[in-house]
């Protein structure tokens, strides 16, 4: 009896998949990770920025006060940048200080 391609293909495919699974287990990372070098400790601190934004209102003496400042403090540079972008995209905002790292005690 001649075997058709539909009966040979599943058997061949399962053998290939079993071989790949066994090969993957043989080259998997060892327990404890791949020998990475220890990184130097990162300084403790925060990312900070400052914006000036337009906020018109009338003071008790009748003067128009229009500018206010907002300080941005974040734990990561990405979070600081996203807050800065949020302020800037709201309009009527000027960046006074861009995101910069301020170490503790520095």
C-alpha atoms as a PDB file:
ATOM      1  CA  UNK A   1       0.000   0.000   0.000  1.00  0.00           C
ATOM      2  CA  UNK A   2       1.342   3.363  -1.022  1.00  0.00           C
ATOM      3  CA  UNK A   3       1.374   6.041   1.694  1.00  0.00           C
ATOM      4  CA  UNK A   4       0.035   9.422   0.745  1.00  0.00           C
ATOM      5  CA  UNK A   5       1.590  12.766   1.593  1.00  0.00           C
ATOM      6  CA  UNK A   6      -1.150  13.419   4.178  1.00  0.00           C
ATOM      7  CA  UNK A   7      -0.113  10.389   6.236  1.00  0.00           C
ATOM      8  CA  UNK A   8       3.634  11.069   5.997  1.00  0.00           C
ATOM      9  CA  UNK A   9       3.538  14.800   6.724  1.00  0.00           C
ATOM     10  CA  UNK A  10       2.108  14.678  10.295  1.00  0.00           C
ATOM     11  CA  UNK A  11       4.640  12.032  11.341  1.00  0.00           C
ATOM     12  CA  UNK A  12       7.521  14.011   9.836  1.00  0.00           C
ATOM     13  CA  UNK A  13       6.270  17.270  11.329  1.00  0.00           C
ATOM     14  CA  UNK A  14       5.960  15.793  14.803  1.00  0.00           C
ATOM     15  CA  UNK A  15       9.526  14.435  14.564  1.00  0.00           C
ATOM     16  CA  UNK A  16      10.815  17.882  13.585  1.00  0.00           C
ATOM     17  CA  UNK A  17       8.935  19.580  16.411  1.00  0.00           C
ATOM     18  CA  UNK A  18      10.202  17.029  18.939  1.00  0.00           C
ATOM     19  CA  UNK A  19      13.762  17.623  17.721  1.00  0.00           C
ATOM     20  CA  UNK A  20      13.378  21.383  18.059  1.00  0.00           C
ATOM     21  CA  UNK A  21      11.991  21.042  21.580  1.00  0.00           C
ATOM     22  CA  UNK A  22      14.893  18.835  22.648  1.00  0.00           C
ATOM     23  CA  UNK A  23      17.429  21.134  21.025  1.00  0.00           C
ATOM     24  CA  UNK A  24      15.869  24.137  22.761  1.00  0.00           C
ATOM     25  CA  UNK A  25      16.206  22.453  26.145  1.00  0.00           C
ATOM     26  CA  UNK A  26      19.852  21.676  25.440  1.00  0.00           C
ATOM     27  CA  UNK A  27      20.783  25.297  24.700  1.00  0.00           C
ATOM     28  CA  UNK A  28      18.584  26.977  27.306  1.00  0.00           C
ATOM     29  CA  UNK A  29      20.170  29.488  29.662  1.00  0.00           C
ATOM     30  CA  UNK A  30      21.752  27.956  32.742  1.00  0.00           C
ATOM     31  CA  UNK A  31      20.129  28.494  36.136  1.00  0.00           C
ATOM     32  CA  UNK A  32      21.080  31.906  37.451  1.00  0.00           C
ATOM     33  CA  UNK A  33      21.131  33.500  34.004  1.00  0.00           C
ATOM     34  CA  UNK A  34      23.760  33.963  31.360  1.00  0.00           C
ATOM     35  CA  UNK A  35      27.020  35.241  32.848  1.00  0.00           C
ATOM     36  CA  UNK A  36      26.246  38.964  32.879  1.00  0.00           C
ATOM     37  CA  UNK A  37      28.666  41.383  34.406  1.00  0.00           C
ATOM     38  CA  UNK A  38      27.525  43.125  37.589  1.00  0.00           C
ATOM     39  CA  UNK A  39      26.515  46.702  36.923  1.00  0.00           C
ATOM     40  CA  UNK A  40      27.864  49.541  39.063  1.00  0.00           C
ATOM     41  CA  UNK A  41      25.329  50.927  41.503  1.00  0.00           C
ATOM     42  CA  UNK A  42      23.264  53.748  40.085  1.00  0.00           C
ATOM     43  CA  UNK A  43      23.182  57.004  42.035  1.00  0.00           C
ATOM     44  CA  UNK A  44      20.010  57.693  43.960  1.00  0.00           C
ATOM     45  CA  UNK A  45      18.049  60.730  42.921  1.00  0.00           C
ATOM     46  CA  UNK A  46      15.188  62.042  40.819  1.00  0.00           C
ATOM     47  CA  UNK A  47      14.583  63.425  37.346  1.00  0.00           C
ATOM     48  CA  UNK A  48      13.354  67.011  37.446  1.00  0.00           C
ATOM     49  CA  UNK A  49      12.085  69.628  35.027  1.00  0.00           C
ATOM     50  CA  UNK A  50      10.263  72.962  35.234  1.00  0.00           C
ATOM     51  CA  UNK A  51       7.634  74.550  33.017  1.00  0.00           C
ATOM     52  CA  UNK A  52       6.018  77.976  32.935  1.00  0.00           C
ATOM     53  CA  UNK A  53       2.389  78.000  31.876  1.00  0.00           C
ATOM     54  CA  UNK A  54      -0.211  80.614  31.109  1.00  0.00           C
ATOM     55  CA  UNK A  55      -2.889  80.889  33.806  1.00  0.00           C
ATOM     56  CA  UNK A  56      -4.800  84.153  33.569  1.00  0.00           C
ATOM     57  CA  UNK A  57      -6.696  85.225  36.661  1.00  0.00           C
ATOM     58  CA  UNK A  58      -7.327  88.416  38.569  1.00  0.00           C
ATOM     59  CA  UNK A  59      -5.503  89.107  41.829  1.00  0.00           C
ATOM     60  CA  UNK A  60      -7.310  90.741  44.799  1.00  0.00           C
ATOM     61  CA  UNK A  61      -5.775  94.125  43.946  1.00  0.00           C
ATOM     62  CA  UNK A  62      -7.064  93.925  40.350  1.00  0.00           C
ATOM     63  CA  UNK A  63      -3.782  93.040  38.626  1.00  0.00           C
ATOM     64  CA  UNK A  64      -3.766  90.301  35.994  1.00  0.00           C
ATOM     65  CA  UNK A  65      -1.373  87.502  36.943  1.00  0.00           C
ATOM     66  CA  UNK A  66      -0.778  85.226  33.999  1.00  0.00           C
ATOM     67  CA  UNK A  67       2.277  82.991  34.518  1.00  0.00           C
ATOM     68  CA  UNK A  68       2.678  80.096  36.937  1.00  0.00           C
ATOM     69  CA  UNK A  69       5.436  77.533  37.318  1.00  0.00           C
ATOM     70  CA  UNK A  70       5.137  73.794  37.719  1.00  0.00           C
ATOM     71  CA  UNK A  71       7.920  71.485  38.900  1.00  0.00           C
ATOM     72  CA  UNK A  72       8.048  68.001  37.446  1.00  0.00           C
ATOM     73  CA  UNK A  73       9.659  65.321  39.608  1.00  0.00           C
ATOM     74  CA  UNK A  74       9.899  61.729  38.376  1.00  0.00           C
ATOM     75  CA  UNK A  75      11.731  58.541  39.221  1.00  0.00           C
ATOM     76  CA  UNK A  76      12.781  57.781  35.616  1.00  0.00           C
ATOM     77  CA  UNK A  77      13.809  59.853  32.636  1.00  0.00           C
ATOM     78  CA  UNK A  78      11.031  58.359  30.503  1.00  0.00           C
ATOM     79  CA  UNK A  79       8.377  59.352  33.057  1.00  0.00           C
ATOM     80  CA  UNK A  80       9.825  62.871  33.315  1.00  0.00           C
ATOM     81  CA  UNK A  81       9.837  63.230  29.519  1.00  0.00           C
ATOM     82  CA  UNK A  82       6.240  62.030  29.253  1.00  0.00           C
ATOM     83  CA  UNK A  83       5.069  64.521  31.906  1.00  0.00           C
ATOM     84  CA  UNK A  84       6.987  67.304  30.174  1.00  0.00           C
ATOM     85  CA  UNK A  85       5.412  66.361  26.836  1.00  0.00           C
ATOM     86  CA  UNK A  86       1.970  66.333  28.453  1.00  0.00           C
ATOM     87  CA  UNK A  87       2.444  69.853  29.814  1.00  0.00           C
ATOM     88  CA  UNK A  88       3.870  71.091  26.523  1.00  0.00           C
ATOM     89  CA  UNK A  89       1.093  69.596  24.396  1.00  0.00           C
ATOM     90  CA  UNK A  90      -1.590  71.288  26.518  1.00  0.00           C
ATOM     91  CA  UNK A  91      -0.564  74.618  25.013  1.00  0.00           C
ATOM     92  CA  UNK A  92       0.515  77.974  26.451  1.00  0.00           C
ATOM     93  CA  UNK A  93       3.516  76.347  28.114  1.00  0.00           C
ATOM     94  CA  UNK A  94       7.204  77.225  28.040  1.00  0.00           C
ATOM     95  CA  UNK A  95       9.868  74.765  29.122  1.00  0.00           C
ATOM     96  CA  UNK A  96      12.139  76.491  31.644  1.00  0.00           C
ATOM     97  CA  UNK A  97      14.288  73.445  32.505  1.00  0.00           C
ATOM     98  CA  UNK A  98      14.337  70.218  30.533  1.00  0.00           C
ATOM     99  CA  UNK A  99      14.503  66.854  32.323  1.00  0.00           C
ATOM    100  CA  UNK A 100      17.787  66.423  34.160  1.00  0.00           C
ATOM    101  CA  UNK A 101      19.006  64.037  36.864  1.00  0.00           C
ATOM    102  CA  UNK A 102      19.472  65.447  40.365  1.00  0.00           C
ATOM    103  CA  UNK A 103      21.317  63.079  42.712  1.00  0.00           C
ATOM    104  CA  UNK A 104      20.383  63.000  46.372  1.00  0.00           C
ATOM    105  CA  UNK A 105      22.606  65.430  48.233  1.00  0.00           C
ATOM    106  CA  UNK A 106      23.790  66.993  44.986  1.00  0.00           C
END
